[in-house]
Every structure is written in structure tokens, then in C-alpha cells.
Amino acid sequence: MALIRAAGLVLAATGAAHFAVPKAFEPISKAAFPQDTEAWIKRNGATELALGLAMATDRTRKAGLAGVALYTLWLGARTAANR
């Protein structure tokens, strides 16, 4: 569980970084969200922050892991659809 908690904290920090340095995420985000990329960077940052914190907390870990799985599938589908 310590590894999952650490991964959650890393994901939460990455989510927070979307707000601190949004330009760093622009090339990645543009592939999945070519329109309104800036807004999607913030939405994705909020999502990653919430999912990361959920993974880091014992009571919400299972929901956080399920959310990360769905979020990963959704991002992959968005990227594939916009190629």
C-alpha cells in the first residue's frame, strides 16, 4: 500500500503542476485536446489531483485506482480519436 500511496502523491503533485506550469503540459494535452487545450490542461490537472489524493487515502484508494484506470482509457481514446 505504501507504493500505491506514493504513486497517488506523485499523481496529485503532477495534477497540481498543471496549474503551476501549464505550458509544460501543452504538447501532451494538445494531442488529446486540440481545441480549447488550455482549459483541458486545467481540467486534467484537477482530475489528476483528485485521483492522486484518492489513491493516497486508505478510505478512497479503491475508487481512486478505478478512476485512474478509467481516466487512462479515456485519455487514450481521446488521443487516438484526434490523430
N, C-alpha and C. Protein backbone atom coordinates (compact mmCIF):
# COMPACT_ATOMS: atom_id res chain seq x y z
N MET A 1 0.81 -1.21 0.00
CA MET A 1 0.00 0.00 0.00
C MET A 1 0.85 1.27 0.00
N ALA A 2 2.05 1.15 0.54
CA ALA A 2 2.92 2.34 0.57
C ALA A 2 3.29 2.78 -0.85
N LEU A 3 3.48 1.82 -1.75
CA LEU A 3 3.80 2.15 -3.13
C LEU A 3 2.63 2.85 -3.82
N ILE A 4 1.43 2.36 -3.56
CA ILE A 4 0.24 2.98 -4.17
C ILE A 4 0.04 4.38 -3.60
N ARG A 5 0.24 4.53 -2.29
CA ARG A 5 0.13 5.85 -1.67
C ARG A 5 1.14 6.81 -2.29
N ALA A 6 2.37 6.36 -2.47
CA ALA A 6 3.41 7.21 -3.07
C ALA A 6 3.05 7.57 -4.51
N ALA A 7 2.55 6.60 -5.26
CA ALA A 7 2.13 6.87 -6.65
C ALA A 7 0.99 7.89 -6.66
N GLY A 8 0.09 7.78 -5.71
CA GLY A 8 -1.00 8.74 -5.62
C GLY A 8 -0.50 10.15 -5.34
N LEU A 9 0.47 10.26 -4.46
CA LEU A 9 1.03 11.58 -4.15
C LEU A 9 1.77 12.16 -5.35
N VAL A 10 2.45 11.31 -6.10
CA VAL A 10 3.12 11.77 -7.33
C VAL A 10 2.09 12.24 -8.35
N LEU A 11 1.00 11.48 -8.50
CA LEU A 11 -0.05 11.89 -9.43
C LEU A 11 -0.69 13.20 -8.98
N ALA A 12 -0.93 13.35 -7.68
CA ALA A 12 -1.51 14.59 -7.16
C ALA A 12 -0.57 15.77 -7.42
N ALA A 13 0.72 15.56 -7.23
CA ALA A 13 1.69 16.63 -7.48
C ALA A 13 1.73 16.99 -8.97
N THR A 14 1.62 15.97 -9.82
CA THR A 14 1.57 16.22 -11.26
C THR A 14 0.32 17.03 -11.61
N GLY A 15 -0.79 16.68 -10.99
CA GLY A 15 -2.02 17.43 -11.22
C GLY A 15 -1.87 18.89 -10.80
N ALA A 16 -1.26 19.13 -9.64
CA ALA A 16 -1.04 20.50 -9.18
C ALA A 16 -0.10 21.24 -10.12
N ALA A 17 0.87 20.53 -10.69
CA ALA A 17 1.81 21.16 -11.61
C ALA A 17 1.12 21.69 -12.87
N HIS A 18 -0.02 21.11 -13.23
CA HIS A 18 -0.78 21.62 -14.38
C HIS A 18 -1.16 23.09 -14.18
N PHE A 19 -1.34 23.48 -12.92
CA PHE A 19 -1.72 24.86 -12.62
C PHE A 19 -0.49 25.76 -12.45
N ALA A 20 0.60 25.18 -11.95
CA ALA A 20 1.81 25.96 -11.71
C ALA A 20 2.58 26.23 -13.00
N VAL A 21 2.68 25.23 -13.87
CA VAL A 21 3.41 25.37 -15.13
C VAL A 21 2.60 24.75 -16.27
N PRO A 22 1.48 25.35 -16.63
CA PRO A 22 0.60 24.75 -17.64
C PRO A 22 1.25 24.57 -19.01
N LYS A 23 2.19 25.43 -19.36
CA LYS A 23 2.84 25.32 -20.67
C LYS A 23 3.61 24.01 -20.81
N ALA A 24 4.07 23.44 -19.70
CA ALA A 24 4.80 22.17 -19.75
C ALA A 24 3.91 21.03 -20.21
N PHE A 25 2.60 21.16 -20.02
CA PHE A 25 1.65 20.10 -20.37
C PHE A 25 0.97 20.34 -21.71
N GLU A 26 1.26 21.46 -22.34
CA GLU A 26 0.60 21.80 -23.60
C GLU A 26 0.88 20.79 -24.72
N PRO A 27 2.13 20.38 -24.95
CA PRO A 27 2.36 19.41 -26.04
C PRO A 27 1.63 18.09 -25.83
N ILE A 28 1.60 17.62 -24.61
CA ILE A 28 0.92 16.35 -24.31
C ILE A 28 -0.59 16.51 -24.46
N SER A 29 -1.12 17.59 -23.90
CA SER A 29 -2.57 17.81 -23.90
C SER A 29 -3.12 18.10 -25.28
N LYS A 30 -2.32 18.77 -26.10
CA LYS A 30 -2.78 19.14 -27.45
C LYS A 30 -3.11 17.91 -28.29
N ALA A 31 -2.40 16.79 -28.05
CA ALA A 31 -2.67 15.57 -28.81
C ALA A 31 -4.07 15.04 -28.55
N ALA A 32 -4.53 15.13 -27.33
CA ALA A 32 -5.85 14.61 -26.98
C ALA A 32 -6.93 15.68 -27.08
N PHE A 33 -6.53 16.94 -26.91
CA PHE A 33 -7.49 18.05 -26.86
C PHE A 33 -7.01 19.21 -27.72
N PRO A 34 -7.10 19.06 -29.05
CA PRO A 34 -6.57 20.10 -29.94
C PRO A 34 -7.35 21.42 -29.85
N GLN A 35 -8.61 21.36 -29.48
CA GLN A 35 -9.39 22.58 -29.28
C GLN A 35 -9.50 22.84 -27.78
N ASP A 36 -9.39 24.11 -27.40
CA ASP A 36 -9.54 24.53 -26.01
C ASP A 36 -8.52 23.83 -25.10
N THR A 37 -7.30 23.71 -25.60
CA THR A 37 -6.25 22.98 -24.89
C THR A 37 -5.99 23.56 -23.50
N GLU A 38 -5.95 24.87 -23.38
CA GLU A 38 -5.65 25.49 -22.08
C GLU A 38 -6.67 25.10 -21.02
N ALA A 39 -7.94 25.10 -21.37
CA ALA A 39 -8.97 24.71 -20.41
C ALA A 39 -8.85 23.24 -20.04
N TRP A 40 -8.50 22.41 -21.02
CA TRP A 40 -8.35 20.98 -20.75
C TRP A 40 -7.14 20.70 -19.88
N ILE A 41 -6.10 21.51 -19.99
CA ILE A 41 -4.94 21.33 -19.11
C ILE A 41 -5.39 21.50 -17.66
N LYS A 42 -6.20 22.50 -17.40
CA LYS A 42 -6.70 22.73 -16.04
C LYS A 42 -7.65 21.62 -15.59
N ARG A 43 -8.53 21.20 -16.48
CA ARG A 43 -9.45 20.11 -16.12
C ARG A 43 -8.69 18.82 -15.81
N ASN A 44 -7.71 18.51 -16.64
CA ASN A 44 -6.91 17.31 -16.41
C ASN A 44 -6.09 17.43 -15.14
N GLY A 45 -5.57 18.62 -14.87
CA GLY A 45 -4.84 18.83 -13.63
C GLY A 45 -5.71 18.60 -12.41
N ALA A 46 -6.93 19.12 -12.44
CA ALA A 46 -7.86 18.92 -11.32
C ALA A 46 -8.21 17.44 -11.17
N THR A 47 -8.40 16.76 -12.29
CA THR A 47 -8.72 15.34 -12.26
C THR A 47 -7.57 14.54 -11.66
N GLU A 48 -6.35 14.81 -12.11
CA GLU A 48 -5.19 14.08 -11.61
C GLU A 48 -4.93 14.38 -10.14
N LEU A 49 -5.15 15.61 -9.73
CA LEU A 49 -5.00 15.96 -8.32
C LEU A 49 -6.00 15.18 -7.46
N ALA A 50 -7.25 15.17 -7.88
CA ALA A 50 -8.29 14.45 -7.12
C ALA A 50 -8.04 12.95 -7.10
N LEU A 51 -7.70 12.37 -8.25
CA LEU A 51 -7.45 10.92 -8.29
C LEU A 51 -6.21 10.55 -7.48
N GLY A 52 -5.19 11.37 -7.55
CA GLY A 52 -3.98 11.11 -6.78
C GLY A 52 -4.24 11.14 -5.28
N LEU A 53 -5.00 12.13 -4.83
CA LEU A 53 -5.33 12.19 -3.41
C LEU A 53 -6.21 11.02 -3.00
N ALA A 54 -7.10 10.60 -3.88
CA ALA A 54 -7.93 9.43 -3.58
C ALA A 54 -7.07 8.18 -3.44
N MET A 55 -6.07 8.03 -4.29
CA MET A 55 -5.18 6.87 -4.19
C MET A 55 -4.34 6.91 -2.91
N ALA A 56 -4.03 8.09 -2.43
CA ALA A 56 -3.16 8.24 -1.27
C ALA A 56 -3.90 8.04 0.06
N THR A 57 -5.22 7.96 0.00
CA THR A 57 -6.02 7.84 1.21
C THR A 57 -6.62 6.45 1.31
N ASP A 58 -6.48 5.83 2.47
CA ASP A 58 -6.95 4.45 2.65
C ASP A 58 -8.43 4.28 2.30
N ARG A 59 -9.28 5.17 2.75
CA ARG A 59 -10.73 5.02 2.56
C ARG A 59 -11.16 5.13 1.10
N THR A 60 -10.39 5.83 0.30
CA THR A 60 -10.81 6.09 -1.08
C THR A 60 -9.88 5.46 -2.11
N ARG A 61 -8.95 4.63 -1.66
CA ARG A 61 -7.93 4.07 -2.56
C ARG A 61 -8.54 3.27 -3.71
N LYS A 62 -9.49 2.38 -3.42
CA LYS A 62 -10.08 1.56 -4.49
C LYS A 62 -10.78 2.43 -5.53
N ALA A 63 -11.51 3.41 -5.07
CA ALA A 63 -12.19 4.32 -6.01
C ALA A 63 -11.16 5.11 -6.82
N GLY A 64 -10.09 5.53 -6.17
CA GLY A 64 -9.04 6.26 -6.87
C GLY A 64 -8.38 5.41 -7.95
N LEU A 65 -8.10 4.16 -7.63
CA LEU A 65 -7.50 3.26 -8.62
C LEU A 65 -8.44 3.00 -9.79
N ALA A 66 -9.70 2.80 -9.49
CA ALA A 66 -10.69 2.61 -10.56
C ALA A 66 -10.78 3.87 -11.42
N GLY A 67 -10.76 5.02 -10.78
CA GLY A 67 -10.80 6.28 -11.51
C GLY A 67 -9.60 6.47 -12.41
N VAL A 68 -8.43 6.10 -11.91
CA VAL A 68 -7.21 6.22 -12.72
C VAL A 68 -7.30 5.30 -13.94
N ALA A 69 -7.82 4.10 -13.75
CA ALA A 69 -7.96 3.18 -14.88
C ALA A 69 -8.88 3.76 -15.95
N LEU A 70 -10.02 4.27 -15.53
CA LEU A 70 -10.98 4.86 -16.47
C LEU A 70 -10.42 6.12 -17.13
N TYR A 71 -9.77 6.94 -16.35
CA TYR A 71 -9.17 8.18 -16.86
C TYR A 71 -8.10 7.85 -17.92
N THR A 72 -7.29 6.85 -17.66
CA THR A 72 -6.25 6.44 -18.61
C THR A 72 -6.86 5.96 -19.92
N LEU A 73 -7.91 5.14 -19.82
CA LEU A 73 -8.60 4.66 -21.02
C LEU A 73 -9.20 5.83 -21.80
N TRP A 74 -9.82 6.75 -21.09
CA TRP A 74 -10.46 7.90 -21.72
C TRP A 74 -9.42 8.77 -22.43
N LEU A 75 -8.30 9.05 -21.76
CA LEU A 75 -7.25 9.86 -22.39
C LEU A 75 -6.69 9.16 -23.63
N GLY A 76 -6.49 7.86 -23.55
CA GLY A 76 -6.00 7.10 -24.71
C GLY A 76 -6.98 7.17 -25.86
N ALA A 77 -8.25 7.03 -25.56
CA ALA A 77 -9.28 7.10 -26.61
C ALA A 77 -9.34 8.49 -27.24
N ARG A 78 -9.22 9.53 -26.42
CA ARG A 78 -9.23 10.91 -26.94
C ARG A 78 -8.03 11.14 -27.86
N THR A 79 -6.88 10.66 -27.44
CA THR A 79 -5.66 10.85 -28.23
C THR A 79 -5.78 10.12 -29.56
N ALA A 80 -6.26 8.88 -29.51
CA ALA A 80 -6.41 8.08 -30.75
C ALA A 80 -7.44 8.72 -31.68
N ALA A 81 -8.51 9.25 -31.14
CA ALA A 81 -9.56 9.85 -31.96
C ALA A 81 -9.10 11.14 -32.64
N ASN A 82 -8.12 11.81 -32.05
CA ASN A 82 -7.67 13.10 -32.60
C ASN A 82 -6.40 12.99 -33.41
N ARG A 83 -6.01 11.80 -33.79
CA ARG A 83 -4.82 11.65 -34.63
C ARG A 83 -5.17 11.75 -36.09
